[in-house]
Amino acid sequence: MTTTTRKTADERRAAVLDAATKEFAAKGLHGASTEDIARMAGISQPYLFRLFGTKKELYLAASRRAIDHLYEVFEDASAGKAGADALHAMGDAYETVMSDRDRLMLMLKCWASCDDPDICEVVRGAWRNLVDLAERRSGESPEVVSTFFSKGALLTILMGMEAFTRPEPWSNRLIEGCQAGLTE
């Protein structure tokens, strides 16, 4: 006789968000299948809708979870630091978080989905919070913080194109330029 341990509601919700992150990262909001997400999470599709209401609400929940995690990572990395040290710590932590390809691709899809007002509000809120944190922790000028995020955005695009794992001379030059001085 095989016994299985029943998951708590929080564990089921986390499993759904893990599966949703993977599916939405690969296919975006409109291409993703809630049936596939439910199957990956080990629940029924009707239960998935009981948890999240709509596919879009599930997308927003998965996006918020990824965004909240990134904020926490930035906050932890920059704790007790100031100036360029705080920004460098955030940059190093960002590279580690974005090594999770599903998180990376979900984030890029969120940026590209800002034609939807609900998704746009989530993305704008995330950027607002991250910029506020970077300014508060670093104490740097708007120009320095803007350069930090500009270079980070370019590096994110290059990560999405697999420029770090399949480098070419042009991508290496861009990566080196961004990494040469994230706060210059």
N, C-alpha and C. Protein backbone atom coordinates (compact mmCIF):
# COMPACT_ATOMS: atom_id res chain seq x y z
N MET A 1 0.83 -1.17 0.00
CA MET A 1 0.00 0.00 0.00
C MET A 1 0.88 1.25 0.00
N THR A 2 0.58 2.16 -0.90
CA THR A 2 1.34 3.40 -1.00
C THR A 2 0.56 4.50 -0.30
N THR A 3 1.27 5.20 0.55
CA THR A 3 0.62 6.34 1.21
C THR A 3 1.22 7.62 0.66
N THR A 4 0.39 8.59 0.51
CA THR A 4 0.87 9.88 0.04
C THR A 4 0.55 10.92 1.10
N THR A 5 1.41 11.86 1.21
CA THR A 5 1.21 12.94 2.15
C THR A 5 0.45 14.04 1.44
N ARG A 6 -0.64 14.44 2.02
CA ARG A 6 -1.45 15.51 1.45
C ARG A 6 -0.73 16.84 1.62
N LYS A 7 -0.74 17.62 0.55
CA LYS A 7 -0.12 18.94 0.61
C LYS A 7 -1.06 19.92 1.29
N THR A 8 -0.46 20.87 1.97
CA THR A 8 -1.26 21.95 2.55
C THR A 8 -1.70 22.88 1.43
N ALA A 9 -2.64 23.74 1.72
CA ALA A 9 -3.11 24.71 0.73
C ALA A 9 -1.95 25.60 0.26
N ASP A 10 -1.09 26.00 1.18
CA ASP A 10 0.06 26.84 0.82
C ASP A 10 1.02 26.08 -0.10
N GLU A 11 1.24 24.79 0.18
CA GLU A 11 2.12 23.98 -0.66
C GLU A 11 1.52 23.81 -2.06
N ARG A 12 0.21 23.59 -2.14
CA ARG A 12 -0.44 23.46 -3.45
C ARG A 12 -0.35 24.78 -4.21
N ARG A 13 -0.58 25.87 -3.52
CA ARG A 13 -0.49 27.19 -4.16
C ARG A 13 0.93 27.44 -4.69
N ALA A 14 1.93 27.10 -3.89
CA ALA A 14 3.32 27.27 -4.33
C ALA A 14 3.62 26.38 -5.53
N ALA A 15 3.11 25.15 -5.53
CA ALA A 15 3.32 24.24 -6.66
C ALA A 15 2.67 24.80 -7.92
N VAL A 16 1.50 25.39 -7.78
CA VAL A 16 0.82 26.00 -8.93
C VAL A 16 1.65 27.18 -9.44
N LEU A 17 2.14 28.02 -8.55
CA LEU A 17 2.93 29.17 -8.97
C LEU A 17 4.25 28.74 -9.62
N ASP A 18 4.86 27.66 -9.12
CA ASP A 18 6.06 27.13 -9.77
C ASP A 18 5.76 26.67 -11.19
N ALA A 19 4.68 25.91 -11.34
CA ALA A 19 4.29 25.41 -12.65
C ALA A 19 3.90 26.57 -13.57
N ALA A 20 3.18 27.54 -13.02
CA ALA A 20 2.76 28.70 -13.82
C ALA A 20 3.97 29.51 -14.28
N THR A 21 4.93 29.68 -13.41
CA THR A 21 6.14 30.42 -13.79
C THR A 21 6.80 29.76 -14.98
N LYS A 22 6.93 28.45 -14.91
CA LYS A 22 7.56 27.69 -16.00
C LYS A 22 6.75 27.81 -17.30
N GLU A 23 5.45 27.64 -17.23
CA GLU A 23 4.59 27.68 -18.41
C GLU A 23 4.50 29.10 -19.00
N PHE A 24 4.29 30.10 -18.15
CA PHE A 24 4.21 31.46 -18.65
C PHE A 24 5.55 31.94 -19.19
N ALA A 25 6.65 31.51 -18.58
CA ALA A 25 7.97 31.89 -19.07
C ALA A 25 8.20 31.36 -20.48
N ALA A 26 7.69 30.17 -20.73
CA ALA A 26 7.87 29.55 -22.05
C ALA A 26 6.89 30.09 -23.09
N LYS A 27 5.65 30.37 -22.67
CA LYS A 27 4.61 30.64 -23.66
C LYS A 27 3.88 31.98 -23.49
N GLY A 28 4.16 32.71 -22.43
CA GLY A 28 3.47 33.97 -22.21
C GLY A 28 2.05 33.76 -21.72
N LEU A 29 1.38 34.86 -21.43
CA LEU A 29 0.02 34.80 -20.89
C LEU A 29 -0.92 34.10 -21.86
N HIS A 30 -0.92 34.51 -23.10
CA HIS A 30 -1.92 34.01 -24.04
C HIS A 30 -1.61 32.63 -24.59
N GLY A 31 -0.35 32.25 -24.62
CA GLY A 31 0.01 30.94 -25.16
C GLY A 31 0.02 29.82 -24.13
N ALA A 32 0.06 30.19 -22.86
CA ALA A 32 0.15 29.19 -21.79
C ALA A 32 -1.18 28.43 -21.64
N SER A 33 -1.07 27.21 -21.18
CA SER A 33 -2.24 26.36 -20.98
C SER A 33 -2.47 26.14 -19.48
N THR A 34 -3.65 26.53 -19.01
CA THR A 34 -3.97 26.28 -17.60
C THR A 34 -4.11 24.79 -17.34
N GLU A 35 -4.49 24.04 -18.35
CA GLU A 35 -4.56 22.58 -18.21
C GLU A 35 -3.17 22.01 -17.93
N ASP A 36 -2.18 22.49 -18.68
CA ASP A 36 -0.80 22.04 -18.46
C ASP A 36 -0.27 22.47 -17.10
N ILE A 37 -0.61 23.70 -16.70
CA ILE A 37 -0.17 24.20 -15.39
C ILE A 37 -0.75 23.33 -14.28
N ALA A 38 -2.04 23.06 -14.36
CA ALA A 38 -2.69 22.21 -13.35
C ALA A 38 -2.06 20.83 -13.31
N ARG A 39 -1.81 20.25 -14.47
CA ARG A 39 -1.20 18.91 -14.52
C ARG A 39 0.18 18.93 -13.88
N MET A 40 1.01 19.94 -14.22
CA MET A 40 2.36 20.04 -13.64
C MET A 40 2.31 20.20 -12.13
N ALA A 41 1.28 20.90 -11.66
CA ALA A 41 1.15 21.15 -10.22
C ALA A 41 0.47 20.00 -9.49
N GLY A 42 -0.06 19.04 -10.24
CA GLY A 42 -0.71 17.89 -9.61
C GLY A 42 -2.08 18.20 -9.04
N ILE A 43 -2.78 19.15 -9.68
CA ILE A 43 -4.13 19.49 -9.23
C ILE A 43 -5.06 19.48 -10.45
N SER A 44 -6.34 19.60 -10.20
CA SER A 44 -7.30 19.68 -11.30
C SER A 44 -7.38 21.12 -11.80
N GLN A 45 -7.79 21.26 -13.05
CA GLN A 45 -7.95 22.60 -13.60
C GLN A 45 -9.04 23.39 -12.87
N PRO A 46 -10.17 22.77 -12.52
CA PRO A 46 -11.16 23.53 -11.74
C PRO A 46 -10.60 24.04 -10.40
N TYR A 47 -9.75 23.24 -9.75
CA TYR A 47 -9.15 23.69 -8.49
C TYR A 47 -8.21 24.87 -8.73
N LEU A 48 -7.48 24.84 -9.85
CA LEU A 48 -6.60 25.95 -10.21
C LEU A 48 -7.42 27.24 -10.29
N PHE A 49 -8.59 27.16 -10.93
CA PHE A 49 -9.43 28.35 -11.06
C PHE A 49 -10.06 28.75 -9.73
N ARG A 50 -10.27 27.79 -8.85
CA ARG A 50 -10.74 28.14 -7.51
C ARG A 50 -9.68 28.93 -6.75
N LEU A 51 -8.42 28.54 -6.97
CA LEU A 51 -7.32 29.23 -6.29
C LEU A 51 -7.08 30.63 -6.83
N PHE A 52 -7.15 30.79 -8.16
CA PHE A 52 -6.71 32.04 -8.78
C PHE A 52 -7.78 32.79 -9.57
N GLY A 53 -8.91 32.20 -9.81
CA GLY A 53 -9.99 32.88 -10.50
C GLY A 53 -9.88 32.84 -12.02
N THR A 54 -8.84 33.46 -12.55
CA THR A 54 -8.66 33.50 -14.00
C THR A 54 -7.20 33.21 -14.34
N LYS A 55 -6.97 32.92 -15.60
CA LYS A 55 -5.60 32.70 -16.07
C LYS A 55 -4.77 33.97 -15.88
N LYS A 56 -5.37 35.12 -16.13
CA LYS A 56 -4.64 36.37 -15.97
C LYS A 56 -4.27 36.61 -14.50
N GLU A 57 -5.18 36.29 -13.58
CA GLU A 57 -4.87 36.44 -12.16
C GLU A 57 -3.72 35.51 -11.76
N LEU A 58 -3.68 34.33 -12.33
CA LEU A 58 -2.58 33.40 -12.08
C LEU A 58 -1.27 33.98 -12.62
N TYR A 59 -1.32 34.55 -13.81
CA TYR A 59 -0.15 35.19 -14.41
C TYR A 59 0.36 36.32 -13.51
N LEU A 60 -0.58 37.15 -13.06
CA LEU A 60 -0.20 38.26 -12.18
C LEU A 60 0.38 37.76 -10.86
N ALA A 61 -0.20 36.69 -10.31
CA ALA A 61 0.31 36.13 -9.05
C ALA A 61 1.72 35.58 -9.23
N ALA A 62 1.97 34.88 -10.33
CA ALA A 62 3.31 34.34 -10.60
C ALA A 62 4.30 35.48 -10.80
N SER A 63 3.87 36.52 -11.50
CA SER A 63 4.73 37.68 -11.73
C SER A 63 5.04 38.41 -10.43
N ARG A 64 4.02 38.62 -9.61
CA ARG A 64 4.24 39.30 -8.33
C ARG A 64 5.19 38.51 -7.43
N ARG A 65 5.04 37.20 -7.44
CA ARG A 65 5.92 36.39 -6.60
C ARG A 65 7.37 36.55 -7.05
N ALA A 66 7.61 36.52 -8.35
CA ALA A 66 8.97 36.69 -8.87
C ALA A 66 9.51 38.09 -8.55
N ILE A 67 8.65 39.09 -8.68
CA ILE A 67 9.04 40.47 -8.40
C ILE A 67 9.35 40.65 -6.91
N ASP A 68 8.48 40.11 -6.07
CA ASP A 68 8.70 40.23 -4.62
C ASP A 68 10.00 39.55 -4.21
N HIS A 69 10.28 38.42 -4.84
CA HIS A 69 11.54 37.71 -4.54
C HIS A 69 12.74 38.56 -4.93
N LEU A 70 12.68 39.17 -6.11
CA LEU A 70 13.78 40.01 -6.56
C LEU A 70 13.98 41.19 -5.60
N TYR A 71 12.91 41.82 -5.17
CA TYR A 71 13.01 42.93 -4.23
C TYR A 71 13.69 42.46 -2.94
N GLU A 72 13.28 41.33 -2.42
CA GLU A 72 13.88 40.80 -1.19
C GLU A 72 15.36 40.51 -1.37
N VAL A 73 15.73 39.98 -2.52
CA VAL A 73 17.13 39.69 -2.81
C VAL A 73 17.94 40.99 -2.86
N PHE A 74 17.40 42.01 -3.53
CA PHE A 74 18.08 43.31 -3.59
C PHE A 74 18.21 43.92 -2.19
N GLU A 75 17.15 43.82 -1.42
CA GLU A 75 17.15 44.38 -0.07
C GLU A 75 18.20 43.68 0.80
N ASP A 76 18.23 42.36 0.75
CA ASP A 76 19.21 41.60 1.54
C ASP A 76 20.63 41.88 1.09
N ALA A 77 20.84 41.91 -0.22
CA ALA A 77 22.19 42.11 -0.75
C ALA A 77 22.75 43.48 -0.40
N SER A 78 21.89 44.48 -0.36
CA SER A 78 22.37 45.85 -0.13
C SER A 78 22.34 46.26 1.34
N ALA A 79 21.87 45.39 2.20
CA ALA A 79 21.76 45.73 3.63
C ALA A 79 23.14 46.13 4.18
N GLY A 80 23.18 47.26 4.86
CA GLY A 80 24.41 47.72 5.49
C GLY A 80 25.43 48.31 4.53
N LYS A 81 25.05 48.47 3.27
CA LYS A 81 25.97 49.02 2.27
C LYS A 81 25.44 50.37 1.81
N ALA A 82 26.32 51.14 1.20
CA ALA A 82 25.92 52.44 0.65
C ALA A 82 26.70 52.69 -0.63
N GLY A 83 26.25 53.69 -1.37
CA GLY A 83 26.95 54.10 -2.57
C GLY A 83 27.09 52.98 -3.58
N ALA A 84 28.21 53.01 -4.27
CA ALA A 84 28.47 52.02 -5.31
C ALA A 84 28.46 50.60 -4.76
N ASP A 85 28.88 50.43 -3.50
CA ASP A 85 28.88 49.09 -2.90
C ASP A 85 27.48 48.49 -2.86
N ALA A 86 26.48 49.31 -2.54
CA ALA A 86 25.10 48.83 -2.49
C ALA A 86 24.63 48.42 -3.89
N LEU A 87 24.93 49.23 -4.88
CA LEU A 87 24.51 48.92 -6.25
C LEU A 87 25.24 47.70 -6.79
N HIS A 88 26.52 47.57 -6.51
CA HIS A 88 27.26 46.39 -6.96
C HIS A 88 26.70 45.13 -6.30
N ALA A 89 26.36 45.21 -5.03
CA ALA A 89 25.79 44.05 -4.34
C ALA A 89 24.46 43.66 -4.97
N MET A 90 23.63 44.65 -5.31
CA MET A 90 22.36 44.36 -5.99
C MET A 90 22.61 43.74 -7.36
N GLY A 91 23.57 44.28 -8.08
CA GLY A 91 23.90 43.75 -9.41
C GLY A 91 24.36 42.31 -9.35
N ASP A 92 25.22 42.00 -8.39
CA ASP A 92 25.70 40.62 -8.23
C ASP A 92 24.54 39.68 -7.87
N ALA A 93 23.67 40.15 -6.98
CA ALA A 93 22.53 39.33 -6.57
C ALA A 93 21.57 39.13 -7.74
N TYR A 94 21.41 40.16 -8.56
CA TYR A 94 20.52 40.08 -9.72
C TYR A 94 20.98 39.00 -10.69
N GLU A 95 22.27 38.96 -10.93
CA GLU A 95 22.82 37.96 -11.84
C GLU A 95 22.51 36.55 -11.34
N THR A 96 22.59 36.34 -10.04
CA THR A 96 22.28 35.03 -9.46
C THR A 96 20.81 34.69 -9.63
N VAL A 97 19.92 35.64 -9.35
CA VAL A 97 18.48 35.40 -9.48
C VAL A 97 18.12 35.10 -10.93
N MET A 98 18.68 35.86 -11.85
CA MET A 98 18.34 35.69 -13.26
C MET A 98 19.00 34.48 -13.90
N SER A 99 19.83 33.77 -13.15
CA SER A 99 20.35 32.51 -13.68
C SER A 99 19.24 31.45 -13.74
N ASP A 100 18.11 31.73 -13.07
CA ASP A 100 16.91 30.90 -13.19
C ASP A 100 16.20 31.35 -14.47
N ARG A 101 16.36 30.58 -15.52
CA ARG A 101 15.86 30.97 -16.85
C ARG A 101 14.35 31.23 -16.85
N ASP A 102 13.60 30.46 -16.08
CA ASP A 102 12.15 30.68 -16.04
C ASP A 102 11.82 32.06 -15.47
N ARG A 103 12.50 32.46 -14.41
CA ARG A 103 12.26 33.80 -13.84
C ARG A 103 12.65 34.88 -14.84
N LEU A 104 13.78 34.68 -15.48
CA LEU A 104 14.26 35.63 -16.48
C LEU A 104 13.24 35.80 -17.60
N MET A 105 12.80 34.70 -18.18
CA MET A 105 11.89 34.78 -19.31
C MET A 105 10.51 35.30 -18.89
N LEU A 106 10.05 34.98 -17.69
CA LEU A 106 8.79 35.53 -17.21
C LEU A 106 8.90 37.04 -17.09
N MET A 107 10.02 37.52 -16.56
CA MET A 107 10.21 38.96 -16.41
C MET A 107 10.20 39.64 -17.77
N LEU A 108 10.90 39.08 -18.74
CA LEU A 108 10.93 39.67 -20.07
C LEU A 108 9.54 39.68 -20.70
N LYS A 109 8.80 38.62 -20.47
CA LYS A 109 7.43 38.56 -21.02
C LYS A 109 6.54 39.60 -20.33
N CYS A 110 6.73 39.81 -19.04
CA CYS A 110 5.96 40.85 -18.34
C CYS A 110 6.24 42.22 -18.95
N TRP A 111 7.51 42.52 -19.18
CA TRP A 111 7.86 43.82 -19.78
C TRP A 111 7.18 43.97 -21.13
N ALA A 112 7.18 42.90 -21.91
CA ALA A 112 6.61 42.95 -23.26
C ALA A 112 5.08 42.96 -23.24
N SER A 113 4.48 42.68 -22.11
CA SER A 113 3.01 42.60 -22.01
C SER A 113 2.40 43.86 -21.40
N CYS A 114 3.16 44.93 -21.37
CA CYS A 114 2.65 46.17 -20.74
C CYS A 114 1.57 46.86 -21.54
N ASP A 115 1.16 46.27 -22.66
CA ASP A 115 -0.01 46.81 -23.35
C ASP A 115 -1.29 46.44 -22.60
N ASP A 116 -1.18 45.48 -21.67
CA ASP A 116 -2.30 45.13 -20.79
C ASP A 116 -2.19 46.03 -19.56
N PRO A 117 -3.23 46.80 -19.24
CA PRO A 117 -3.12 47.75 -18.12
C PRO A 117 -2.85 47.11 -16.77
N ASP A 118 -3.38 45.92 -16.51
CA ASP A 118 -3.14 45.26 -15.23
C ASP A 118 -1.69 44.80 -15.10
N ILE A 119 -1.17 44.24 -16.17
CA ILE A 119 0.23 43.80 -16.16
C ILE A 119 1.14 45.03 -16.07
N CYS A 120 0.79 46.08 -16.81
CA CYS A 120 1.58 47.31 -16.78
C CYS A 120 1.67 47.87 -15.36
N GLU A 121 0.57 47.84 -14.63
CA GLU A 121 0.59 48.35 -13.25
C GLU A 121 1.51 47.53 -12.35
N VAL A 122 1.50 46.21 -12.53
CA VAL A 122 2.39 45.35 -11.74
C VAL A 122 3.85 45.66 -12.07
N VAL A 123 4.15 45.78 -13.36
CA VAL A 123 5.52 46.05 -13.80
C VAL A 123 5.97 47.43 -13.32
N ARG A 124 5.12 48.43 -13.49
CA ARG A 124 5.48 49.78 -13.03
C ARG A 124 5.69 49.82 -11.52
N GLY A 125 4.85 49.12 -10.78
CA GLY A 125 5.02 49.06 -9.33
C GLY A 125 6.33 48.40 -8.94
N ALA A 126 6.69 47.35 -9.66
CA ALA A 126 7.95 46.65 -9.38
C ALA A 126 9.13 47.58 -9.63
N TRP A 127 9.13 48.26 -10.77
CA TRP A 127 10.23 49.17 -11.09
C TRP A 127 10.29 50.31 -10.07
N ARG A 128 9.13 50.87 -9.72
CA ARG A 128 9.10 51.95 -8.73
C ARG A 128 9.76 51.50 -7.43
N ASN A 129 9.38 50.33 -6.96
CA ASN A 129 9.92 49.82 -5.70
C ASN A 129 11.41 49.55 -5.78
N LEU A 130 11.86 48.97 -6.91
CA LEU A 130 13.29 48.67 -7.06
C LEU A 130 14.11 49.96 -7.17
N VAL A 131 13.61 50.93 -7.92
CA VAL A 131 14.32 52.20 -8.05
C VAL A 131 14.38 52.91 -6.69
N ASP A 132 13.25 52.94 -5.99
CA ASP A 132 13.24 53.57 -4.66
C ASP A 132 14.25 52.89 -3.73
N LEU A 133 14.30 51.57 -3.77
CA LEU A 133 15.24 50.83 -2.92
C LEU A 133 16.68 51.17 -3.31
N ALA A 134 16.98 51.16 -4.61
CA ALA A 134 18.34 51.46 -5.07
C ALA A 134 18.75 52.87 -4.67
N GLU A 135 17.84 53.84 -4.82
CA GLU A 135 18.16 55.21 -4.44
C GLU A 135 18.37 55.34 -2.94
N ARG A 136 17.47 54.72 -2.19
CA ARG A 136 17.54 54.81 -0.72
C ARG A 136 18.80 54.13 -0.19
N ARG A 137 19.09 52.92 -0.66
CA ARG A 137 20.24 52.19 -0.13
C ARG A 137 21.56 52.77 -0.60
N SER A 138 21.62 53.19 -1.86
CA SER A 138 22.91 53.67 -2.39
C SER A 138 23.16 55.14 -2.05
N GLY A 139 22.09 55.92 -2.01
CA GLY A 139 22.27 57.36 -1.82
C GLY A 139 22.85 58.04 -3.05
N GLU A 140 22.89 57.33 -4.16
CA GLU A 140 23.48 57.86 -5.39
C GLU A 140 22.49 58.78 -6.11
N SER A 141 23.03 59.55 -7.05
CA SER A 141 22.24 60.50 -7.83
C SER A 141 21.31 59.76 -8.80
N PRO A 142 20.29 60.46 -9.30
CA PRO A 142 19.42 59.84 -10.30
C PRO A 142 20.19 59.38 -11.54
N GLU A 143 21.24 60.08 -11.91
CA GLU A 143 22.03 59.68 -13.08
C GLU A 143 22.74 58.35 -12.84
N VAL A 144 23.29 58.17 -11.66
CA VAL A 144 23.99 56.93 -11.34
C VAL A 144 23.00 55.77 -11.26
N VAL A 145 21.88 55.99 -10.61
CA VAL A 145 20.87 54.93 -10.48
C VAL A 145 20.29 54.59 -11.86
N SER A 146 20.09 55.60 -12.69
CA SER A 146 19.59 55.37 -14.04
C SER A 146 20.58 54.54 -14.86
N THR A 147 21.85 54.84 -14.74
CA THR A 147 22.88 54.06 -15.44
C THR A 147 22.90 52.62 -14.94
N PHE A 148 22.77 52.44 -13.65
CA PHE A 148 22.72 51.10 -13.06
C PHE A 148 21.58 50.28 -13.68
N PHE A 149 20.38 50.87 -13.71
CA PHE A 149 19.24 50.14 -14.26
C PHE A 149 19.32 50.00 -15.78
N SER A 150 19.88 50.98 -16.46
CA SER A 150 20.03 50.89 -17.92
C SER A 150 20.94 49.73 -18.29
N LYS A 151 22.07 49.65 -17.62
CA LYS A 151 22.99 48.55 -17.89
C LYS A 151 22.39 47.22 -17.48
N GLY A 152 21.66 47.21 -16.37
CA GLY A 152 20.98 45.98 -15.94
C GLY A 152 19.95 45.51 -16.95
N ALA A 153 19.20 46.45 -17.55
CA ALA A 153 18.21 46.09 -18.55
C ALA A 153 18.88 45.49 -19.79
N LEU A 154 19.98 46.10 -20.22
CA LEU A 154 20.70 45.55 -21.38
C LEU A 154 21.24 44.15 -21.05
N LEU A 155 21.80 43.98 -19.86
CA LEU A 155 22.30 42.66 -19.47
C LEU A 155 21.16 41.64 -19.42
N THR A 156 19.97 42.07 -18.99
CA THR A 156 18.82 41.17 -18.95
C THR A 156 18.46 40.71 -20.36
N ILE A 157 18.45 41.64 -21.29
CA ILE A 157 18.15 41.28 -22.68
C ILE A 157 19.21 40.31 -23.21
N LEU A 158 20.46 40.57 -22.91
CA LEU A 158 21.54 39.68 -23.35
C LEU A 158 21.43 38.29 -22.72
N MET A 159 20.99 38.24 -21.43
CA MET A 159 20.75 36.95 -20.80
C MET A 159 19.64 36.21 -21.53
N GLY A 160 18.59 36.93 -21.89
CA GLY A 160 17.48 36.32 -22.61
C GLY A 160 17.92 35.74 -23.95
N MET A 161 18.88 36.39 -24.59
CA MET A 161 19.41 35.91 -25.87
C MET A 161 20.51 34.87 -25.70
N GLU A 162 20.76 34.47 -24.45
CA GLU A 162 21.79 33.48 -24.12
C GLU A 162 23.19 33.94 -24.51
N ALA A 163 23.42 35.25 -24.44
CA ALA A 163 24.72 35.80 -24.81
C ALA A 163 25.81 35.41 -23.83
N PHE A 164 25.44 35.06 -22.59
CA PHE A 164 26.44 34.65 -21.61
C PHE A 164 26.87 33.20 -21.83
N THR A 165 25.93 32.38 -22.27
CA THR A 165 26.24 30.95 -22.46
C THR A 165 26.65 30.63 -23.90
N ARG A 166 26.29 31.50 -24.83
CA ARG A 166 26.68 31.33 -26.23
C ARG A 166 27.25 32.65 -26.73
N PRO A 167 28.41 33.04 -26.18
CA PRO A 167 28.94 34.37 -26.47
C PRO A 167 29.44 34.52 -27.90
N GLU A 168 29.38 35.77 -28.35
CA GLU A 168 29.95 36.17 -29.63
C GLU A 168 30.73 37.45 -29.36
N PRO A 169 31.63 37.83 -30.24
CA PRO A 169 32.42 39.04 -29.98
C PRO A 169 31.57 40.28 -29.69
N TRP A 170 30.52 40.53 -30.45
CA TRP A 170 29.69 41.72 -30.23
C TRP A 170 29.02 41.68 -28.86
N SER A 171 28.53 40.49 -28.45
CA SER A 171 27.86 40.41 -27.15
C SER A 171 28.87 40.52 -26.02
N ASN A 172 30.06 39.96 -26.22
CA ASN A 172 31.10 40.09 -25.19
C ASN A 172 31.47 41.55 -24.96
N ARG A 173 31.53 42.34 -26.06
CA ARG A 173 31.86 43.77 -25.92
C ARG A 173 30.77 44.49 -25.12
N LEU A 174 29.52 44.17 -25.40
CA LEU A 174 28.43 44.81 -24.65
C LEU A 174 28.46 44.40 -23.18
N ILE A 175 28.65 43.12 -22.93
CA ILE A 175 28.70 42.63 -21.55
C ILE A 175 29.84 43.28 -20.79
N GLU A 176 31.01 43.31 -21.41
CA GLU A 176 32.17 43.92 -20.75
C GLU A 176 31.93 45.41 -20.49
N GLY A 177 31.30 46.09 -21.44
CA GLY A 177 31.01 47.51 -21.25
C GLY A 177 30.05 47.74 -20.10
N CYS A 178 29.07 46.88 -19.98
CA CYS A 178 28.11 47.02 -18.87
C CYS A 178 28.76 46.68 -17.53
N GLN A 179 29.57 45.66 -17.51
CA GLN A 179 30.18 45.23 -16.27
C GLN A 179 31.38 46.08 -15.86
N ALA A 180 31.90 46.88 -16.78
CA ALA A 180 33.08 47.69 -16.49
C ALA A 180 32.82 48.70 -15.39
N GLY A 181 31.61 49.13 -15.28
CA GLY A 181 31.32 50.12 -14.24
C GLY A 181 29.81 50.28 -14.12
N LEU A 182 29.20 49.40 -13.39
CA LEU A 182 27.74 49.45 -13.26
C LEU A 182 27.26 50.76 -12.65
N THR A 183 28.13 51.50 -12.02
CA THR A 183 27.69 52.75 -11.42
C THR A 183 28.37 53.97 -12.02
N GLU A 184 29.05 53.78 -13.12
CA GLU A 184 29.72 54.95 -13.75
C GLU A 184 28.72 55.80 -14.50
